[in-house]
Structures are given as C-alpha cells and as structure tokens.
Amino acid sequence: MVTAPVLYFAADHAGVALKDALRTVFEKRFADVRAVDLGTQGLESVHYPDFAFLAADKVAKSGGLAVLVCGSGIGMAIAANKVSGIRAAVVWDATSGRLCKEHNDANVLCLGARLVGPAAAEDALFAWWTATFAEGRHRERLERIRARESQR
C-alpha cells in the first residue's frame, strides 16, 4: 500500500488565520497530499513551542514535512530546531522558500503572519514544496550539521 505524502500545519494564535488559508489553498492545489492540521484553532493565546514541538516530532518520526506559523516565524523555528533531525527555516518569499529546500533540505517551513502577507506566504510555500535538495556541496554541509547534532 502506497501512502500519500504528508504535510503538517501548525500555528499559534497569531498564525492561525494564515495557517488555515495556506492549508486550504495547498489542499486545492495538491489533492494527492495529506494536509494535517495540528492546531491551534482559535485566537485564544497559546504557547507556540507546544505546536512547534508537536509538528517537529511528527516530521522527525514520519519523514513528512511541516509548515509552522506564528507572529514572526522566529519562535516556531527556534523551537522546532530543538528536535533532532529538524531543519526549520524562516522564509518570507518564494526565493527564500526555494533556497531553504535546495541548499538546506529544510523539512519545516516557518512563516510570520505579522510580517508576510498571504500571497507571499503562498508563493513561499509552493516554492518550498516543489523544490528539491540540490545535493552537491550542500550535502557535506548538512553532514556537518548532523554530526554536531549527534554530539548533544
């Protein structure tokens, strides 16, 4: 049995509207991908690390990918990057979205709802999703990161 690729979506209260909008447009464009919403669902204040850890743990265990949204994207990235095997990148446009996958094999995309508009966020998401890791000189750099990570 072949399973569909998975993209997890998670946000704190500041990012819930953008998360929902991105998930909706993603599901329409990539119907063959399972888009899983991990929350939050409302505007009541929540702690972003809880949602970053939830998504990052799923990515680390499943090999899927995730999109995290908070006010700036920075807090989510910092928290997600504490999980072994996660390469979370804050992006702001299609170019940064594409490059974080091509050069860093980013498996978690982080966006700031207060800093990036919906159209730019959508462009970044699609550029990241459709990009591929460039290998070559970038592979050795990732190996150096993995080696340091294993020293923890």
N, C-alpha and C. Protein backbone atom coordinates (compact mmCIF):
# COMPACT_ATOMS: atom_id res chain seq x y z
N MET A 1 0.84 -1.18 0.00
CA MET A 1 0.00 0.00 0.00
C MET A 1 0.89 1.25 0.00
N VAL A 2 0.64 2.15 -0.92
CA VAL A 2 1.38 3.39 -1.03
C VAL A 2 0.62 4.46 -0.24
N THR A 3 1.34 5.15 0.65
CA THR A 3 0.68 6.21 1.41
C THR A 3 1.02 7.56 0.79
N ALA A 4 0.07 8.46 0.90
CA ALA A 4 0.25 9.80 0.36
C ALA A 4 1.27 10.56 1.19
N PRO A 5 2.03 11.44 0.56
CA PRO A 5 2.92 12.28 1.35
C PRO A 5 2.09 13.12 2.32
N VAL A 6 2.73 13.55 3.41
CA VAL A 6 2.03 14.29 4.46
C VAL A 6 2.69 15.66 4.65
N LEU A 7 1.85 16.67 4.79
CA LEU A 7 2.30 18.00 5.17
C LEU A 7 1.51 18.41 6.39
N TYR A 8 2.22 18.60 7.50
CA TYR A 8 1.59 19.03 8.75
C TYR A 8 1.55 20.55 8.80
N PHE A 9 0.46 21.07 9.32
CA PHE A 9 0.30 22.52 9.52
C PHE A 9 0.05 22.76 11.00
N ALA A 10 0.74 23.75 11.57
CA ALA A 10 0.51 24.12 12.96
C ALA A 10 0.77 25.61 13.13
N ALA A 11 0.11 26.20 14.12
CA ALA A 11 0.27 27.63 14.36
C ALA A 11 -0.09 27.95 15.80
N ASP A 12 0.37 29.11 16.23
CA ASP A 12 -0.13 29.65 17.49
C ASP A 12 -1.28 30.59 17.16
N HIS A 13 -1.78 31.30 18.15
CA HIS A 13 -2.93 32.19 17.96
C HIS A 13 -2.66 33.28 16.93
N ALA A 14 -1.43 33.77 16.84
CA ALA A 14 -1.11 34.83 15.89
C ALA A 14 -1.08 34.31 14.45
N GLY A 15 -0.85 33.03 14.28
CA GLY A 15 -0.71 32.48 12.94
C GLY A 15 -1.85 31.63 12.44
N VAL A 16 -2.90 31.48 13.26
CA VAL A 16 -3.97 30.54 12.91
C VAL A 16 -4.67 30.91 11.60
N ALA A 17 -4.93 32.18 11.36
CA ALA A 17 -5.64 32.57 10.13
C ALA A 17 -4.80 32.27 8.89
N LEU A 18 -3.51 32.60 8.94
CA LEU A 18 -2.64 32.32 7.80
C LEU A 18 -2.47 30.82 7.61
N LYS A 19 -2.30 30.10 8.70
CA LYS A 19 -2.19 28.63 8.62
C LYS A 19 -3.40 28.04 7.91
N ASP A 20 -4.59 28.46 8.33
CA ASP A 20 -5.82 27.93 7.73
C ASP A 20 -5.92 28.27 6.25
N ALA A 21 -5.55 29.50 5.90
CA ALA A 21 -5.60 29.92 4.49
C ALA A 21 -4.61 29.12 3.66
N LEU A 22 -3.40 28.93 4.17
CA LEU A 22 -2.40 28.17 3.44
C LEU A 22 -2.79 26.70 3.28
N ARG A 23 -3.33 26.12 4.33
CA ARG A 23 -3.76 24.73 4.25
C ARG A 23 -4.86 24.56 3.20
N THR A 24 -5.81 25.47 3.18
CA THR A 24 -6.90 25.40 2.22
C THR A 24 -6.41 25.48 0.79
N VAL A 25 -5.56 26.44 0.49
CA VAL A 25 -5.07 26.60 -0.88
C VAL A 25 -4.14 25.45 -1.24
N PHE A 26 -3.37 24.95 -0.28
CA PHE A 26 -2.49 23.81 -0.53
C PHE A 26 -3.31 22.56 -0.89
N GLU A 27 -4.36 22.30 -0.13
CA GLU A 27 -5.21 21.13 -0.38
C GLU A 27 -5.84 21.19 -1.76
N LYS A 28 -6.20 22.38 -2.22
CA LYS A 28 -6.79 22.52 -3.55
C LYS A 28 -5.77 22.25 -4.64
N ARG A 29 -4.54 22.71 -4.43
CA ARG A 29 -3.51 22.58 -5.46
C ARG A 29 -2.84 21.21 -5.45
N PHE A 30 -2.72 20.59 -4.29
CA PHE A 30 -2.04 19.31 -4.16
C PHE A 30 -2.97 18.29 -3.50
N ALA A 31 -3.98 17.87 -4.23
CA ALA A 31 -5.00 16.97 -3.69
C ALA A 31 -4.44 15.60 -3.32
N ASP A 32 -3.28 15.25 -3.87
CA ASP A 32 -2.69 13.95 -3.59
C ASP A 32 -1.85 13.94 -2.31
N VAL A 33 -1.78 15.06 -1.62
CA VAL A 33 -1.01 15.18 -0.39
C VAL A 33 -1.97 15.28 0.78
N ARG A 34 -1.65 14.54 1.86
CA ARG A 34 -2.46 14.64 3.07
C ARG A 34 -2.02 15.86 3.85
N ALA A 35 -2.89 16.84 3.98
CA ALA A 35 -2.62 18.04 4.77
C ALA A 35 -3.26 17.84 6.15
N VAL A 36 -2.43 17.81 7.18
CA VAL A 36 -2.90 17.51 8.53
C VAL A 36 -2.77 18.76 9.39
N ASP A 37 -3.89 19.20 9.94
CA ASP A 37 -3.92 20.38 10.79
C ASP A 37 -3.71 19.97 12.24
N LEU A 38 -2.64 20.45 12.84
CA LEU A 38 -2.31 20.12 14.23
C LEU A 38 -2.72 21.22 15.20
N GLY A 39 -3.40 22.25 14.71
CA GLY A 39 -3.85 23.34 15.59
C GLY A 39 -2.89 24.50 15.57
N THR A 40 -3.19 25.44 16.32
CA THR A 40 -4.33 25.72 17.14
C THR A 40 -5.49 26.14 16.25
N GLN A 41 -6.67 26.20 16.84
CA GLN A 41 -7.85 26.51 16.05
C GLN A 41 -8.45 27.89 16.34
N GLY A 42 -8.10 28.48 17.45
CA GLY A 42 -8.74 29.73 17.82
C GLY A 42 -7.74 30.84 18.08
N LEU A 43 -8.28 31.97 18.51
CA LEU A 43 -7.45 33.15 18.76
C LEU A 43 -7.02 33.30 20.21
N GLU A 44 -7.43 32.36 21.05
CA GLU A 44 -7.01 32.39 22.45
C GLU A 44 -5.51 32.14 22.53
N SER A 45 -4.82 32.92 23.36
CA SER A 45 -3.37 32.83 23.47
C SER A 45 -2.93 31.42 23.85
N VAL A 46 -1.96 30.90 23.09
CA VAL A 46 -1.37 29.59 23.35
C VAL A 46 0.15 29.74 23.30
N HIS A 47 0.85 28.71 23.68
CA HIS A 47 2.31 28.74 23.68
C HIS A 47 2.83 28.10 22.39
N TYR A 48 3.48 28.90 21.55
CA TYR A 48 3.95 28.40 20.26
C TYR A 48 4.88 27.19 20.36
N PRO A 49 5.74 27.07 21.39
CA PRO A 49 6.61 25.87 21.42
C PRO A 49 5.83 24.57 21.44
N ASP A 50 4.66 24.56 22.07
CA ASP A 50 3.87 23.32 22.13
C ASP A 50 3.51 22.85 20.73
N PHE A 51 3.14 23.77 19.86
CA PHE A 51 2.73 23.40 18.49
C PHE A 51 3.95 23.13 17.61
N ALA A 52 5.03 23.85 17.84
CA ALA A 52 6.26 23.59 17.09
C ALA A 52 6.79 22.19 17.42
N PHE A 53 6.81 21.84 18.71
CA PHE A 53 7.29 20.51 19.11
C PHE A 53 6.39 19.40 18.57
N LEU A 54 5.08 19.62 18.61
CA LEU A 54 4.14 18.63 18.11
C LEU A 54 4.41 18.33 16.63
N ALA A 55 4.52 19.36 15.83
CA ALA A 55 4.75 19.18 14.40
C ALA A 55 6.15 18.63 14.13
N ALA A 56 7.15 19.17 14.80
CA ALA A 56 8.53 18.72 14.58
C ALA A 56 8.70 17.25 14.95
N ASP A 57 8.09 16.83 16.04
CA ASP A 57 8.15 15.42 16.42
C ASP A 57 7.54 14.53 15.35
N LYS A 58 6.42 14.96 14.79
CA LYS A 58 5.78 14.16 13.73
C LYS A 58 6.67 14.09 12.50
N VAL A 59 7.28 15.19 12.12
CA VAL A 59 8.18 15.20 10.97
C VAL A 59 9.39 14.29 11.23
N ALA A 60 9.98 14.41 12.41
CA ALA A 60 11.15 13.61 12.74
C ALA A 60 10.83 12.11 12.72
N LYS A 61 9.64 11.74 13.13
CA LYS A 61 9.25 10.32 13.19
C LYS A 61 8.75 9.80 11.85
N SER A 62 8.06 10.64 11.08
CA SER A 62 7.40 10.17 9.87
C SER A 62 8.17 10.46 8.58
N GLY A 63 9.05 11.43 8.64
CA GLY A 63 9.72 11.84 7.41
C GLY A 63 8.88 12.80 6.60
N GLY A 64 7.75 13.22 7.11
CA GLY A 64 6.93 14.20 6.42
C GLY A 64 7.55 15.57 6.49
N LEU A 65 6.77 16.56 6.16
CA LEU A 65 7.20 17.96 6.21
C LEU A 65 6.16 18.75 6.99
N ALA A 66 6.53 19.98 7.40
CA ALA A 66 5.59 20.79 8.17
C ALA A 66 5.71 22.26 7.83
N VAL A 67 4.60 22.95 8.03
CA VAL A 67 4.52 24.40 7.93
C VAL A 67 4.09 24.92 9.29
N LEU A 68 4.88 25.83 9.86
CA LEU A 68 4.58 26.42 11.16
C LEU A 68 4.40 27.92 10.99
N VAL A 69 3.38 28.46 11.65
CA VAL A 69 3.10 29.89 11.54
C VAL A 69 2.89 30.48 12.92
N CYS A 70 3.62 31.55 13.20
CA CYS A 70 3.40 32.34 14.41
C CYS A 70 3.51 33.80 14.00
N GLY A 71 3.62 34.71 14.94
CA GLY A 71 3.67 36.12 14.58
C GLY A 71 4.83 36.47 13.67
N SER A 72 6.03 35.99 14.01
CA SER A 72 7.22 36.30 13.22
C SER A 72 7.80 35.10 12.49
N GLY A 73 7.44 33.88 12.89
CA GLY A 73 8.05 32.67 12.37
C GLY A 73 9.30 32.28 13.14
N ILE A 74 9.88 33.22 13.84
CA ILE A 74 11.16 33.00 14.51
C ILE A 74 11.02 32.06 15.70
N GLY A 75 10.04 32.29 16.55
CA GLY A 75 9.86 31.43 17.72
C GLY A 75 9.59 29.99 17.32
N MET A 76 8.75 29.80 16.33
CA MET A 76 8.45 28.45 15.86
C MET A 76 9.72 27.77 15.35
N ALA A 77 10.54 28.51 14.59
CA ALA A 77 11.77 27.93 14.05
C ALA A 77 12.73 27.55 15.17
N ILE A 78 12.89 28.43 16.14
CA ILE A 78 13.81 28.14 17.25
C ILE A 78 13.35 26.87 17.97
N ALA A 79 12.08 26.79 18.28
CA ALA A 79 11.56 25.61 18.99
C ALA A 79 11.69 24.35 18.15
N ALA A 80 11.27 24.40 16.90
CA ALA A 80 11.31 23.22 16.04
C ALA A 80 12.73 22.71 15.87
N ASN A 81 13.68 23.61 15.78
CA ASN A 81 15.07 23.21 15.58
C ASN A 81 15.70 22.55 16.80
N LYS A 82 14.99 22.51 17.92
CA LYS A 82 15.47 21.78 19.09
C LYS A 82 15.22 20.28 18.96
N VAL A 83 14.38 19.89 18.00
CA VAL A 83 14.07 18.48 17.77
C VAL A 83 15.10 17.90 16.80
N SER A 84 15.71 16.80 17.20
CA SER A 84 16.74 16.17 16.39
C SER A 84 16.21 15.82 15.00
N GLY A 85 16.98 16.18 13.99
CA GLY A 85 16.61 15.87 12.61
C GLY A 85 15.80 16.95 11.93
N ILE A 86 15.46 17.99 12.65
CA ILE A 86 14.65 19.06 12.06
C ILE A 86 15.55 20.17 11.54
N ARG A 87 15.19 20.64 10.36
CA ARG A 87 15.85 21.78 9.73
C ARG A 87 14.75 22.77 9.38
N ALA A 88 14.42 23.63 10.35
CA ALA A 88 13.35 24.61 10.19
C ALA A 88 13.94 25.94 9.73
N ALA A 89 13.29 26.55 8.75
CA ALA A 89 13.76 27.81 8.20
C ALA A 89 12.64 28.83 8.17
N VAL A 90 12.95 30.05 8.59
CA VAL A 90 12.02 31.16 8.47
C VAL A 90 12.17 31.73 7.06
N VAL A 91 11.05 31.84 6.36
CA VAL A 91 11.08 32.37 4.99
C VAL A 91 10.08 33.52 4.85
N TRP A 92 10.25 34.28 3.79
CA TRP A 92 9.41 35.46 3.59
C TRP A 92 8.96 35.65 2.16
N ASP A 93 9.46 34.82 1.23
CA ASP A 93 9.05 34.93 -0.17
C ASP A 93 9.40 33.63 -0.90
N ALA A 94 9.11 33.60 -2.20
CA ALA A 94 9.35 32.39 -2.99
C ALA A 94 10.84 32.04 -3.05
N THR A 95 11.69 33.03 -3.17
CA THR A 95 13.12 32.75 -3.26
C THR A 95 13.66 32.12 -1.99
N SER A 96 13.31 32.68 -0.83
CA SER A 96 13.79 32.08 0.42
C SER A 96 13.16 30.71 0.64
N GLY A 97 11.93 30.52 0.21
CA GLY A 97 11.29 29.21 0.30
C GLY A 97 12.00 28.17 -0.54
N ARG A 98 12.32 28.52 -1.75
CA ARG A 98 13.02 27.60 -2.65
C ARG A 98 14.42 27.29 -2.16
N LEU A 99 15.16 28.33 -1.77
CA LEU A 99 16.55 28.14 -1.37
C LEU A 99 16.70 27.33 -0.09
N CYS A 100 15.77 27.48 0.85
CA CYS A 100 15.92 26.71 2.09
C CYS A 100 15.78 25.21 1.82
N LYS A 101 15.05 24.83 0.78
CA LYS A 101 14.97 23.41 0.41
C LYS A 101 16.17 23.00 -0.43
N GLU A 102 16.51 23.82 -1.44
CA GLU A 102 17.61 23.46 -2.33
C GLU A 102 18.95 23.39 -1.61
N HIS A 103 19.22 24.33 -0.72
CA HIS A 103 20.53 24.41 -0.07
C HIS A 103 20.58 23.75 1.30
N ASN A 104 19.46 23.74 2.02
CA ASN A 104 19.47 23.27 3.41
C ASN A 104 18.58 22.07 3.66
N ASP A 105 17.88 21.61 2.63
CA ASP A 105 16.95 20.49 2.75
C ASP A 105 15.99 20.70 3.92
N ALA A 106 15.49 21.93 4.05
CA ALA A 106 14.58 22.28 5.15
C ALA A 106 13.35 21.40 5.11
N ASN A 107 13.06 20.78 6.26
CA ASN A 107 11.87 19.93 6.34
C ASN A 107 10.74 20.59 7.12
N VAL A 108 10.99 21.80 7.61
CA VAL A 108 9.96 22.60 8.27
C VAL A 108 10.06 24.03 7.77
N LEU A 109 8.95 24.54 7.27
CA LEU A 109 8.86 25.91 6.77
C LEU A 109 8.18 26.76 7.82
N CYS A 110 8.80 27.88 8.19
CA CYS A 110 8.23 28.77 9.22
C CYS A 110 7.93 30.13 8.61
N LEU A 111 6.74 30.62 8.92
CA LEU A 111 6.29 31.90 8.38
C LEU A 111 5.78 32.80 9.49
N GLY A 112 5.98 34.09 9.31
CA GLY A 112 5.50 35.08 10.26
C GLY A 112 4.25 35.76 9.75
N ALA A 113 3.13 35.50 10.39
CA ALA A 113 1.85 36.06 9.94
C ALA A 113 1.81 37.58 10.05
N ARG A 114 2.58 38.15 10.97
CA ARG A 114 2.61 39.60 11.12
C ARG A 114 3.60 40.26 10.17
N LEU A 115 4.39 39.47 9.48
CA LEU A 115 5.45 40.01 8.63
C LEU A 115 5.29 39.68 7.15
N VAL A 116 4.57 38.62 6.84
CA VAL A 116 4.44 38.15 5.46
C VAL A 116 2.96 38.12 5.09
N GLY A 117 2.62 38.73 3.99
CA GLY A 117 1.23 38.71 3.53
C GLY A 117 0.84 37.35 2.98
N PRO A 118 -0.45 37.12 2.84
CA PRO A 118 -0.92 35.81 2.37
C PRO A 118 -0.39 35.41 1.00
N ALA A 119 -0.30 36.34 0.06
CA ALA A 119 0.18 35.98 -1.27
C ALA A 119 1.66 35.58 -1.24
N ALA A 120 2.47 36.33 -0.52
CA ALA A 120 3.90 35.99 -0.40
C ALA A 120 4.08 34.67 0.34
N ALA A 121 3.27 34.44 1.37
CA ALA A 121 3.34 33.19 2.12
C ALA A 121 2.98 32.00 1.22
N GLU A 122 1.96 32.16 0.42
CA GLU A 122 1.56 31.11 -0.51
C GLU A 122 2.68 30.83 -1.52
N ASP A 123 3.27 31.89 -2.07
CA ASP A 123 4.39 31.72 -3.01
C ASP A 123 5.55 30.99 -2.36
N ALA A 124 5.86 31.36 -1.12
CA ALA A 124 6.96 30.71 -0.39
C ALA A 124 6.66 29.23 -0.17
N LEU A 125 5.44 28.93 0.25
CA LEU A 125 5.04 27.54 0.48
C LEU A 125 5.16 26.71 -0.78
N PHE A 126 4.63 27.19 -1.89
CA PHE A 126 4.67 26.40 -3.12
C PHE A 126 6.09 26.26 -3.66
N ALA A 127 6.90 27.30 -3.52
CA ALA A 127 8.29 27.22 -3.97
C ALA A 127 9.06 26.17 -3.15
N TRP A 128 8.84 26.19 -1.84
CA TRP A 128 9.49 25.21 -0.95
C TRP A 128 9.00 23.80 -1.26
N TRP A 129 7.69 23.62 -1.37
CA TRP A 129 7.12 22.30 -1.58
C TRP A 129 7.62 21.67 -2.88
N THR A 130 7.77 22.46 -3.93
CA THR A 130 8.13 21.91 -5.24
C THR A 130 9.64 21.87 -5.48
N ALA A 131 10.42 22.50 -4.63
CA ALA A 131 11.89 22.48 -4.79
C ALA A 131 12.44 21.13 -4.34
N THR A 132 13.64 20.83 -4.79
CA THR A 132 14.33 19.62 -4.36
C THR A 132 15.72 19.99 -3.85
N PHE A 133 16.21 19.17 -2.95
CA PHE A 133 17.54 19.38 -2.39
C PHE A 133 18.58 19.26 -3.51
N ALA A 134 19.48 20.22 -3.59
CA ALA A 134 20.44 20.30 -4.69
C ALA A 134 21.63 19.34 -4.54
N GLU A 135 21.79 18.71 -3.38
CA GLU A 135 22.90 17.77 -3.14
C GLU A 135 24.24 18.50 -3.30
N GLY A 136 25.20 17.89 -3.99
CA GLY A 136 26.50 18.51 -4.23
C GLY A 136 27.15 19.04 -2.96
N ARG A 137 27.66 20.26 -3.04
CA ARG A 137 28.38 20.86 -1.92
C ARG A 137 27.50 21.01 -0.69
N HIS A 138 26.19 21.04 -0.88
CA HIS A 138 25.26 21.22 0.23
C HIS A 138 25.17 19.95 1.09
N ARG A 139 25.39 18.80 0.51
CA ARG A 139 25.33 17.54 1.25
C ARG A 139 26.38 17.52 2.36
N GLU A 140 27.60 17.91 2.06
CA GLU A 140 28.66 17.92 3.07
C GLU A 140 28.31 18.89 4.20
N ARG A 141 27.72 20.01 3.87
CA ARG A 141 27.35 20.98 4.90
C ARG A 141 26.29 20.42 5.84
N LEU A 142 25.32 19.73 5.27
CA LEU A 142 24.29 19.10 6.11
C LEU A 142 24.89 18.00 6.97
N GLU A 143 25.85 17.26 6.44
CA GLU A 143 26.51 16.22 7.23
C GLU A 143 27.23 16.82 8.43
N ARG A 144 27.81 17.99 8.26
CA ARG A 144 28.47 18.67 9.37
C ARG A 144 27.45 19.06 10.45
N ILE A 145 26.30 19.51 10.01
CA ILE A 145 25.23 19.86 10.97
C ILE A 145 24.76 18.61 11.70
N ARG A 146 24.55 17.53 10.97
CA ARG A 146 24.10 16.27 11.60
C ARG A 146 25.13 15.75 12.60
N ALA A 147 26.40 15.87 12.26
CA ALA A 147 27.46 15.41 13.17
C ALA A 147 27.43 16.21 14.47
N ARG A 148 27.25 17.49 14.37
CA ARG A 148 27.17 18.33 15.58
C ARG A 148 25.93 17.98 16.39
N GLU A 149 24.82 17.77 15.69
CA GLU A 149 23.58 17.44 16.35
C GLU A 149 23.71 16.14 17.13
N SER A 150 24.45 15.18 16.61
CA SER A 150 24.60 13.89 17.28
C SER A 150 25.48 13.99 18.52
N GLN A 151 26.20 15.09 18.70
CA GLN A 151 27.04 15.29 19.87
C GLN A 151 26.25 15.75 21.09
N ARG A 152 25.00 16.13 20.89
CA ARG A 152 24.19 16.64 22.02
C ARG A 152 23.99 15.59 23.07
